[in-house]
Amino acid sequence: MINEKVEEECVTRLNRVEGQVKGIEKMIKERRYCVDVVMQIAAAEAALHKVSEIILRNHLETCVTAAFRSSDEEERKRKVDELMEIYTKIRVK
């Protein structure tokens, strides 16, 4: 579960990303220098990646920790499988 602190931090960061994306749109409409646009896109991607890291850390500290503290072996296996699936999808290529 996402706690209040994590929610606030993520929403603040996502609002910033929203502003970045609007800025990127404006840059494109103004036909700004391509490299400048690409750099702003990279900054927005990095900001979204940070939100992902915060959410994943929260998941590890709450849901995964609870599963590994329980006696439910199937639940532990599900959490490992889930993490491996996430890793496969989001790892840097």
PDB file of N, CA and C in Angstrom:
ATOM      1  N   MET A   1       0.830  -1.189   0.000  1.00  0.00           N
ATOM      2  CA  MET A   1       0.000   0.000   0.000  1.00  0.00           C
ATOM      3  C   MET A   1       0.876   1.255   0.000  1.00  0.00           C
ATOM      4  N   ILE A   2       0.444   2.213  -0.756  1.00  0.00           N
ATOM      5  CA  ILE A   2       1.159   3.486  -0.817  1.00  0.00           C
ATOM      6  C   ILE A   2       0.723   4.335   0.366  1.00  0.00           C
ATOM      7  N   ASN A   3       1.713   4.743   1.167  1.00  0.00           N
ATOM      8  CA  ASN A   3       1.379   5.563   2.328  1.00  0.00           C
ATOM      9  C   ASN A   3       1.289   7.044   1.935  1.00  0.00           C
ATOM     10  N   GLU A   4       0.850   7.863   2.873  1.00  0.00           N
ATOM     11  CA  GLU A   4       0.605   9.281   2.602  1.00  0.00           C
ATOM     12  C   GLU A   4       1.873  10.018   2.172  1.00  0.00           C
ATOM     13  N   LYS A   5       2.985   9.718   2.821  1.00  0.00           N
ATOM     14  CA  LYS A   5       4.249  10.383   2.493  1.00  0.00           C
ATOM     15  C   LYS A   5       4.669  10.068   1.054  1.00  0.00           C
ATOM     16  N   VAL A   6       4.588   8.799   0.683  1.00  0.00           N
ATOM     17  CA  VAL A   6       4.949   8.377  -0.674  1.00  0.00           C
ATOM     18  C   VAL A   6       3.989   9.012  -1.682  1.00  0.00           C
ATOM     19  N   GLU A   7       2.712   9.020  -1.362  1.00  0.00           N
ATOM     20  CA  GLU A   7       1.726   9.636  -2.249  1.00  0.00           C
ATOM     21  C   GLU A   7       2.064  11.097  -2.503  1.00  0.00           C
ATOM     22  N   GLU A   8       2.320  11.840  -1.439  1.00  0.00           N
ATOM     23  CA  GLU A   8       2.622  13.272  -1.572  1.00  0.00           C
ATOM     24  C   GLU A   8       3.869  13.497  -2.414  1.00  0.00           C
ATOM     25  N   GLU A   9       4.921  12.718  -2.142  1.00  0.00           N
ATOM     26  CA  GLU A   9       6.160  12.876  -2.890  1.00  0.00           C
ATOM     27  C   GLU A   9       5.947  12.567  -4.371  1.00  0.00           C
ATOM     28  N   CYS A  10       5.216  11.505  -4.661  1.00  0.00           N
ATOM     29  CA  CYS A  10       4.977  11.124  -6.056  1.00  0.00           C
ATOM     30  C   CYS A  10       4.095  12.138  -6.776  1.00  0.00           C
ATOM     31  N   VAL A  11       3.060  12.607  -6.119  1.00  0.00           N
ATOM     32  CA  VAL A  11       2.167  13.584  -6.750  1.00  0.00           C
ATOM     33  C   VAL A  11       2.929  14.875  -7.046  1.00  0.00           C
ATOM     34  N   THR A  12       3.769  15.307  -6.117  1.00  0.00           N
ATOM     35  CA  THR A  12       4.582  16.504  -6.342  1.00  0.00           C
ATOM     36  C   THR A  12       5.480  16.311  -7.559  1.00  0.00           C
ATOM     37  N   ARG A  13       6.140  15.169  -7.624  1.00  0.00           N
ATOM     38  CA  ARG A  13       7.019  14.887  -8.761  1.00  0.00           C
ATOM     39  C   ARG A  13       6.226  14.774 -10.068  1.00  0.00           C
ATOM     40  N   LEU A  14       5.068  14.143 -10.020  1.00  0.00           N
ATOM     41  CA  LEU A  14       4.255  13.995 -11.226  1.00  0.00           C
ATOM     42  C   LEU A  14       3.720  15.343 -11.716  1.00  0.00           C
ATOM     43  N   ASN A  15       3.396  16.233 -10.800  1.00  0.00           N
ATOM     44  CA  ASN A  15       2.982  17.582 -11.206  1.00  0.00           C
ATOM     45  C   ASN A  15       4.116  18.296 -11.926  1.00  0.00           C
ATOM     46  N   ARG A  16       5.337  18.081 -11.439  1.00  0.00           N
ATOM     47  CA  ARG A  16       6.512  18.664 -12.076  1.00  0.00           C
ATOM     48  C   ARG A  16       6.694  18.068 -13.482  1.00  0.00           C
ATOM     49  N   VAL A  17       6.514  16.762 -13.598  1.00  0.00           N
ATOM     50  CA  VAL A  17       6.632  16.102 -14.905  1.00  0.00           C
ATOM     51  C   VAL A  17       5.578  16.645 -15.859  1.00  0.00           C
ATOM     52  N   GLU A  18       4.374  16.839 -15.346  1.00  0.00           N
ATOM     53  CA  GLU A  18       3.307  17.393 -16.179  1.00  0.00           C
ATOM     54  C   GLU A  18       3.729  18.751 -16.743  1.00  0.00           C
ATOM     55  N   GLY A  19       4.333  19.568 -15.914  1.00  0.00           N
ATOM     56  CA  GLY A  19       4.839  20.863 -16.375  1.00  0.00           C
ATOM     57  C   GLY A  19       5.942  20.702 -17.406  1.00  0.00           C
ATOM     58  N   GLN A  20       6.814  19.721 -17.180  1.00  0.00           N
ATOM     59  CA  GLN A  20       7.873  19.466 -18.152  1.00  0.00           C
ATOM     60  C   GLN A  20       7.303  19.054 -19.506  1.00  0.00           C
ATOM     61  N   VAL A  21       6.302  18.191 -19.486  1.00  0.00           N
ATOM     62  CA  VAL A  21       5.709  17.724 -20.737  1.00  0.00           C
ATOM     63  C   VAL A  21       5.034  18.880 -21.471  1.00  0.00           C
ATOM     64  N   LYS A  22       4.348  19.735 -20.741  1.00  0.00           N
ATOM     65  CA  LYS A  22       3.733  20.906 -21.378  1.00  0.00           C
ATOM     66  C   LYS A  22       4.808  21.816 -21.967  1.00  0.00           C
ATOM     67  N   GLY A  23       5.922  21.936 -21.251  1.00  0.00           N
ATOM     68  CA  GLY A  23       7.040  22.724 -21.757  1.00  0.00           C
ATOM     69  C   GLY A  23       7.625  22.120 -23.025  1.00  0.00           C
ATOM     70  N   ILE A  24       7.719  20.810 -23.061  1.00  0.00           N
ATOM     71  CA  ILE A  24       8.225  20.125 -24.255  1.00  0.00           C
ATOM     72  C   ILE A  24       7.288  20.372 -25.439  1.00  0.00           C
ATOM     73  N   GLU A  25       6.000  20.263 -25.178  1.00  0.00           N
ATOM     74  CA  GLU A  25       5.017  20.535 -26.240  1.00  0.00           C
ATOM     75  C   GLU A  25       5.190  21.952 -26.786  1.00  0.00           C
ATOM     76  N   LYS A  26       5.359  22.897 -25.890  1.00  0.00           N
ATOM     77  CA  LYS A  26       5.554  24.292 -26.291  1.00  0.00           C
ATOM     78  C   LYS A  26       6.829  24.444 -27.112  1.00  0.00           C
ATOM     79  N   MET A  27       7.895  23.776 -26.662  1.00  0.00           N
ATOM     80  CA  MET A  27       9.160  23.845 -27.398  1.00  0.00           C
ATOM     81  C   MET A  27       8.987  23.317 -28.820  1.00  0.00           C
ATOM     82  N   ILE A  28       8.247  22.235 -28.962  1.00  0.00           N
ATOM     83  CA  ILE A  28       8.020  21.652 -30.288  1.00  0.00           C
ATOM     84  C   ILE A  28       7.207  22.612 -31.152  1.00  0.00           C
ATOM     85  N   LYS A  29       6.156  23.189 -30.570  1.00  0.00           N
ATOM     86  CA  LYS A  29       5.324  24.134 -31.320  1.00  0.00           C
ATOM     87  C   LYS A  29       6.119  25.368 -31.725  1.00  0.00           C
ATOM     88  N   GLU A  30       7.084  25.742 -30.903  1.00  0.00           N
ATOM     89  CA  GLU A  30       7.940  26.903 -31.209  1.00  0.00           C
ATOM     90  C   GLU A  30       9.102  26.525 -32.120  1.00  0.00           C
ATOM     91  N   ARG A  31       9.176  25.239 -32.464  1.00  0.00           N
ATOM     92  CA  ARG A  31      10.231  24.713 -33.333  1.00  0.00           C
ATOM     93  C   ARG A  31      11.621  25.027 -32.791  1.00  0.00           C
ATOM     94  N   ARG A  32      11.750  24.759 -31.500  1.00  0.00           N
ATOM     95  CA  ARG A  32      13.031  24.992 -30.836  1.00  0.00           C
ATOM     96  C   ARG A  32      14.077  23.993 -31.301  1.00  0.00           C
ATOM     97  N   TYR A  33      15.299  24.258 -30.953  1.00  0.00           N
ATOM     98  CA  TYR A  33      16.438  23.434 -31.354  1.00  0.00           C
ATOM     99  C   TYR A  33      16.218  21.988 -30.899  1.00  0.00           C
ATOM    100  N   CYS A  34      16.372  21.061 -31.816  1.00  0.00           N
ATOM    101  CA  CYS A  34      16.058  19.643 -31.572  1.00  0.00           C
ATOM    102  C   CYS A  34      16.764  19.075 -30.349  1.00  0.00           C
ATOM    103  N   VAL A  35      18.025  19.365 -30.211  1.00  0.00           N
ATOM    104  CA  VAL A  35      18.800  18.821 -29.092  1.00  0.00           C
ATOM    105  C   VAL A  35      18.246  19.330 -27.762  1.00  0.00           C
ATOM    106  N   ASP A  36      17.813  20.575 -27.722  1.00  0.00           N
ATOM    107  CA  ASP A  36      17.215  21.113 -26.498  1.00  0.00           C
ATOM    108  C   ASP A  36      15.924  20.362 -26.150  1.00  0.00           C
ATOM    109  N   VAL A  37      15.130  20.054 -27.167  1.00  0.00           N
ATOM    110  CA  VAL A  37      13.889  19.310 -26.940  1.00  0.00           C
ATOM    111  C   VAL A  37      14.209  17.914 -26.420  1.00  0.00           C
ATOM    112  N   VAL A  38      15.162  17.256 -27.060  1.00  0.00           N
ATOM    113  CA  VAL A  38      15.543  15.902 -26.637  1.00  0.00           C
ATOM    114  C   VAL A  38      16.056  15.913 -25.192  1.00  0.00           C
ATOM    115  N   MET A  39      16.798  16.921 -24.826  1.00  0.00           N
ATOM    116  CA  MET A  39      17.306  17.011 -23.448  1.00  0.00           C
ATOM    117  C   MET A  39      16.151  17.180 -22.447  1.00  0.00           C
ATOM    118  N   GLN A  40      15.148  17.935 -22.821  1.00  0.00           N
ATOM    119  CA  GLN A  40      13.997  18.104 -21.934  1.00  0.00           C
ATOM    120  C   GLN A  40      13.195  16.808 -21.825  1.00  0.00           C
ATOM    121  N   ILE A  41      13.110  16.077 -22.921  1.00  0.00           N
ATOM    122  CA  ILE A  41      12.438  14.776 -22.882  1.00  0.00           C
ATOM    123  C   ILE A  41      13.191  13.838 -21.950  1.00  0.00           C
ATOM    124  N   ALA A  42      14.518  13.837 -22.041  1.00  0.00           N
ATOM    125  CA  ALA A  42      15.338  12.991 -21.160  1.00  0.00           C
ATOM    126  C   ALA A  42      15.129  13.367 -19.698  1.00  0.00           C
ATOM    127  N   ALA A  43      15.000  14.646 -19.419  1.00  0.00           N
ATOM    128  CA  ALA A  43      14.767  15.093 -18.038  1.00  0.00           C
ATOM    129  C   ALA A  43      13.406  14.605 -17.539  1.00  0.00           C
ATOM    130  N   ALA A  44      12.392  14.663 -18.387  1.00  0.00           N
ATOM    131  CA  ALA A  44      11.056  14.180 -18.000  1.00  0.00           C
ATOM    132  C   ALA A  44      11.075  12.671 -17.776  1.00  0.00           C
ATOM    133  N   GLU A  45      11.779  11.954 -18.638  1.00  0.00           N
ATOM    134  CA  GLU A  45      11.896  10.505 -18.466  1.00  0.00           C
ATOM    135  C   GLU A  45      12.592  10.168 -17.147  1.00  0.00           C
ATOM    136  N   ALA A  46      13.642  10.907 -16.832  1.00  0.00           N
ATOM    137  CA  ALA A  46      14.363  10.671 -15.577  1.00  0.00           C
ATOM    138  C   ALA A  46      13.464  10.948 -14.374  1.00  0.00           C
ATOM    139  N   ALA A  47      12.650  11.981 -14.472  1.00  0.00           N
ATOM    140  CA  ALA A  47      11.735  12.311 -13.383  1.00  0.00           C
ATOM    141  C   ALA A  47      10.688  11.209 -13.199  1.00  0.00           C
ATOM    142  N   LEU A  48      10.175  10.671 -14.279  1.00  0.00           N
ATOM    143  CA  LEU A  48       9.225   9.556 -14.188  1.00  0.00           C
ATOM    144  C   LEU A  48       9.898   8.313 -13.628  1.00  0.00           C
ATOM    145  N   HIS A  49      11.133   8.090 -14.030  1.00  0.00           N
ATOM    146  CA  HIS A  49      11.882   6.944 -13.504  1.00  0.00           C
ATOM    147  C   HIS A  49      12.037   7.063 -11.989  1.00  0.00           C
ATOM    148  N   LYS A  50      12.271   8.271 -11.504  1.00  0.00           N
ATOM    149  CA  LYS A  50      12.408   8.482 -10.059  1.00  0.00           C
ATOM    150  C   LYS A  50      11.102   8.150  -9.347  1.00  0.00           C
ATOM    151  N   VAL A  51       9.976   8.520  -9.915  1.00  0.00           N
ATOM    152  CA  VAL A  51       8.674   8.169  -9.324  1.00  0.00           C
ATOM    153  C   VAL A  51       8.532   6.652  -9.267  1.00  0.00           C
ATOM    154  N   SER A  52       8.931   5.988 -10.332  1.00  0.00           N
ATOM    155  CA  SER A  52       8.891   4.532 -10.368  1.00  0.00           C
ATOM    156  C   SER A  52       9.749   3.935  -9.259  1.00  0.00           C
ATOM    157  N   GLU A  53      10.940   4.481  -9.054  1.00  0.00           N
ATOM    158  CA  GLU A  53      11.826   4.005  -7.993  1.00  0.00           C
ATOM    159  C   GLU A  53      11.184   4.164  -6.613  1.00  0.00           C
ATOM    160  N   ILE A  54      10.549   5.294  -6.391  1.00  0.00           N
ATOM    161  CA  ILE A  54       9.907   5.558  -5.099  1.00  0.00           C
ATOM    162  C   ILE A  54       8.793   4.548  -4.852  1.00  0.00           C
ATOM    163  N   ILE A  55       7.979   4.313  -5.868  1.00  0.00           N
ATOM    164  CA  ILE A  55       6.872   3.359  -5.735  1.00  0.00           C
ATOM    165  C   ILE A  55       7.408   1.941  -5.526  1.00  0.00           C
ATOM    166  N   LEU A  56       8.435   1.567  -6.269  1.00  0.00           N
ATOM    167  CA  LEU A  56       9.004   0.231  -6.120  1.00  0.00           C
ATOM    168  C   LEU A  56       9.625   0.041  -4.739  1.00  0.00           C
ATOM    169  N   ARG A  57      10.336   1.052  -4.248  1.00  0.00           N
ATOM    170  CA  ARG A  57      10.904   0.967  -2.895  1.00  0.00           C
ATOM    171  C   ARG A  57       9.791   0.785  -1.863  1.00  0.00           C
ATOM    172  N   ASN A  58       8.719   1.533  -2.017  1.00  0.00           N
ATOM    173  CA  ASN A  58       7.587   1.408  -1.104  1.00  0.00           C
ATOM    174  C   ASN A  58       7.028  -0.017  -1.162  1.00  0.00           C
ATOM    175  N   HIS A  59       6.914  -0.563  -2.363  1.00  0.00           N
ATOM    176  CA  HIS A  59       6.403  -1.919  -2.531  1.00  0.00           C
ATOM    177  C   HIS A  59       7.305  -2.924  -1.816  1.00  0.00           C
ATOM    178  N   LEU A  60       8.605  -2.765  -1.986  1.00  0.00           N
ATOM    179  CA  LEU A  60       9.555  -3.668  -1.323  1.00  0.00           C
ATOM    180  C   LEU A  60       9.457  -3.561   0.196  1.00  0.00           C
ATOM    181  N   GLU A  61       9.334  -2.338   0.689  1.00  0.00           N
ATOM    182  CA  GLU A  61       9.299  -2.111   2.139  1.00  0.00           C
ATOM    183  C   GLU A  61       7.985  -2.520   2.785  1.00  0.00           C
ATOM    184  N   THR A  62       6.926  -2.622   1.998  1.00  0.00           N
ATOM    185  CA  THR A  62       5.619  -2.960   2.564  1.00  0.00           C
ATOM    186  C   THR A  62       5.160  -4.348   2.116  1.00  0.00           C
ATOM    187  N   CYS A  63       4.697  -4.442   0.905  1.00  0.00           N
ATOM    188  CA  CYS A  63       4.089  -5.683   0.407  1.00  0.00           C
ATOM    189  C   CYS A  63       5.062  -6.861   0.391  1.00  0.00           C
ATOM    190  N   VAL A  64       6.254  -6.641  -0.147  1.00  0.00           N
ATOM    191  CA  VAL A  64       7.219  -7.737  -0.244  1.00  0.00           C
ATOM    192  C   VAL A  64       7.707  -8.145   1.143  1.00  0.00           C
ATOM    193  N   THR A  65       8.005  -7.158   1.973  1.00  0.00           N
ATOM    194  CA  THR A  65       8.446  -7.462   3.335  1.00  0.00           C
ATOM    195  C   THR A  65       7.385  -8.257   4.079  1.00  0.00           C
ATOM    196  N   ALA A  66       6.128  -7.853   3.965  1.00  0.00           N
ATOM    197  CA  ALA A  66       5.039  -8.577   4.635  1.00  0.00           C
ATOM    198  C   ALA A  66       4.937 -10.012   4.128  1.00  0.00           C
ATOM    199  N   ALA A  67       5.096 -10.198   2.830  1.00  0.00           N
ATOM    200  CA  ALA A  67       5.013 -11.548   2.266  1.00  0.00           C
ATOM    201  C   ALA A  67       6.139 -12.429   2.800  1.00  0.00           C
ATOM    202  N   PHE A  68       7.329 -11.870   2.914  1.00  0.00           N
ATOM    203  CA  PHE A  68       8.459 -12.682   3.382  1.00  0.00           C
ATOM    204  C   PHE A  68       8.442 -12.907   4.889  1.00  0.00           C
ATOM    205  N   ARG A  69       7.710 -12.092   5.599  1.00  0.00           N
ATOM    206  CA  ARG A  69       7.564 -12.312   7.044  1.00  0.00           C
ATOM    207  C   ARG A  69       6.459 -13.320   7.344  1.00  0.00           C
ATOM    208  N   SER A  70       5.599 -13.552   6.368  1.00  0.00           N
ATOM    209  CA  SER A  70       4.497 -14.483   6.581  1.00  0.00           C
ATOM    210  C   SER A  70       4.983 -15.919   6.398  1.00  0.00           C
ATOM    211  N   SER A  71       4.133 -16.836   6.759  1.00  0.00           N
ATOM    212  CA  SER A  71       4.469 -18.249   6.584  1.00  0.00           C
ATOM    213  C   SER A  71       3.922 -18.794   5.270  1.00  0.00           C
ATOM    214  N   ASP A  72       3.346 -17.930   4.464  1.00  0.00           N
ATOM    215  CA  ASP A  72       2.732 -18.333   3.200  1.00  0.00           C
ATOM    216  C   ASP A  72       3.795 -18.433   2.104  1.00  0.00           C
ATOM    217  N   GLU A  73       4.228 -19.637   1.844  1.00  0.00           N
ATOM    218  CA  GLU A  73       5.283 -19.867   0.858  1.00  0.00           C
ATOM    219  C   GLU A  73       4.847 -19.471  -0.554  1.00  0.00           C
ATOM    220  N   GLU A  74       3.590 -19.706  -0.873  1.00  0.00           N
ATOM    221  CA  GLU A  74       3.071 -19.336  -2.193  1.00  0.00           C
ATOM    222  C   GLU A  74       3.092 -17.815  -2.385  1.00  0.00           C
ATOM    223  N   GLU A  75       2.743 -17.099  -1.352  1.00  0.00           N
ATOM    224  CA  GLU A  75       2.756 -15.629  -1.431  1.00  0.00           C
ATOM    225  C   GLU A  75       4.181 -15.122  -1.654  1.00  0.00           C
ATOM    226  N   ARG A  76       5.147 -15.707  -0.984  1.00  0.00           N
ATOM    227  CA  ARG A  76       6.553 -15.319  -1.180  1.00  0.00           C
ATOM    228  C   ARG A  76       6.971 -15.584  -2.620  1.00  0.00           C
ATOM    229  N   LYS A  77       6.586 -16.738  -3.149  1.00  0.00           N
ATOM    230  CA  LYS A  77       6.921 -17.075  -4.531  1.00  0.00           C
ATOM    231  C   LYS A  77       6.269 -16.081  -5.495  1.00  0.00           C
ATOM    232  N   ARG A  78       5.016 -15.720  -5.236  1.00  0.00           N
ATOM    233  CA  ARG A  78       4.326 -14.751  -6.094  1.00  0.00           C
ATOM    234  C   ARG A  78       5.055 -13.413  -6.104  1.00  0.00           C
ATOM    235  N   LYS A  79       5.540 -12.999  -4.948  1.00  0.00           N
ATOM    236  CA  LYS A  79       6.252 -11.718  -4.869  1.00  0.00           C
ATOM    237  C   LYS A  79       7.573 -11.769  -5.622  1.00  0.00           C
ATOM    238  N   VAL A  80       8.287 -12.877  -5.521  1.00  0.00           N
ATOM    239  CA  VAL A  80       9.536 -13.025  -6.274  1.00  0.00           C
ATOM    240  C   VAL A  80       9.230 -13.005  -7.771  1.00  0.00           C
ATOM    241  N   ASP A  81       8.228 -13.751  -8.190  1.00  0.00           N
ATOM    242  CA  ASP A  81       7.849 -13.783  -9.606  1.00  0.00           C
ATOM    243  C   ASP A  81       7.447 -12.387 -10.096  1.00  0.00           C
ATOM    244  N   GLU A  82       6.690 -11.695  -9.280  1.00  0.00           N
ATOM    245  CA  GLU A  82       6.240 -10.344  -9.609  1.00  0.00           C
ATOM    246  C   GLU A  82       7.438  -9.413  -9.792  1.00  0.00           C
ATOM    247  N   LEU A  83       8.391  -9.478  -8.880  1.00  0.00           N
ATOM    248  CA  LEU A  83       9.575  -8.629  -8.973  1.00  0.00           C
ATOM    249  C   LEU A  83      10.422  -8.965 -10.194  1.00  0.00           C
ATOM    250  N   MET A  84      10.536 -10.233 -10.504  1.00  0.00           N
ATOM    251  CA  MET A  84      11.289 -10.629 -11.689  1.00  0.00           C
ATOM    252  C   MET A  84      10.599 -10.133 -12.961  1.00  0.00           C
ATOM    253  N   GLU A  85       9.287 -10.168 -12.980  1.00  0.00           N
ATOM    254  CA  GLU A  85       8.545  -9.661 -14.132  1.00  0.00           C
ATOM    255  C   GLU A  85       8.755  -8.155 -14.290  1.00  0.00           C
ATOM    256  N   ILE A  86       8.685  -7.442 -13.183  1.00  0.00           N
ATOM    257  CA  ILE A  86       8.922  -5.994 -13.221  1.00  0.00           C
ATOM    258  C   ILE A  86      10.333  -5.711 -13.711  1.00  0.00           C
ATOM    259  N   TYR A  87      11.304  -6.425 -13.175  1.00  0.00           N
ATOM    260  CA  TYR A  87      12.693  -6.236 -13.570  1.00  0.00           C
ATOM    261  C   TYR A  87      12.855  -6.447 -15.074  1.00  0.00           C
ATOM    262  N   THR A  88      12.257  -7.483 -15.588  1.00  0.00           N
ATOM    263  CA  THR A  88      12.354  -7.800 -17.011  1.00  0.00           C
ATOM    264  C   THR A  88      11.760  -6.682 -17.863  1.00  0.00           C
ATOM    265  N   LYS A  89      10.686  -6.100 -17.395  1.00  0.00           N
ATOM    266  CA  LYS A  89      10.007  -5.060 -18.181  1.00  0.00           C
ATOM    267  C   LYS A  89      10.698  -3.703 -18.105  1.00  0.00           C
ATOM    268  N   ILE A  90      11.298  -3.362 -16.967  1.00  0.00           N
ATOM    269  CA  ILE A  90      11.800  -1.995 -16.809  1.00  0.00           C
ATOM    270  C   ILE A  90      13.308  -1.861 -16.808  1.00  0.00           C
ATOM    271  N   ARG A  91      14.028  -2.946 -16.869  1.00  0.00           N
ATOM    272  CA  ARG A  91      15.481  -2.811 -16.817  1.00  0.00           C
ATOM    273  C   ARG A  91      15.980  -1.989 -17.986  1.00  0.00           C
ATOM    274  N   VAL A  92      17.048  -1.302 -17.753  1.00  0.00           N
ATOM    275  CA  VAL A  92      17.645  -0.458 -18.782  1.00  0.00           C
ATOM    276  C   VAL A  92      18.294  -1.355 -19.824  1.00  0.00           C
ATOM    277  N   LYS A  93      18.000  -1.098 -21.049  1.00  0.00           N
ATOM    278  CA  LYS A  93      18.525  -1.935 -22.139  1.00  0.00           C
ATOM    279  C   LYS A  93      19.647  -1.230 -22.845  1.00  0.00           C
TER     280      LYS A  93
END
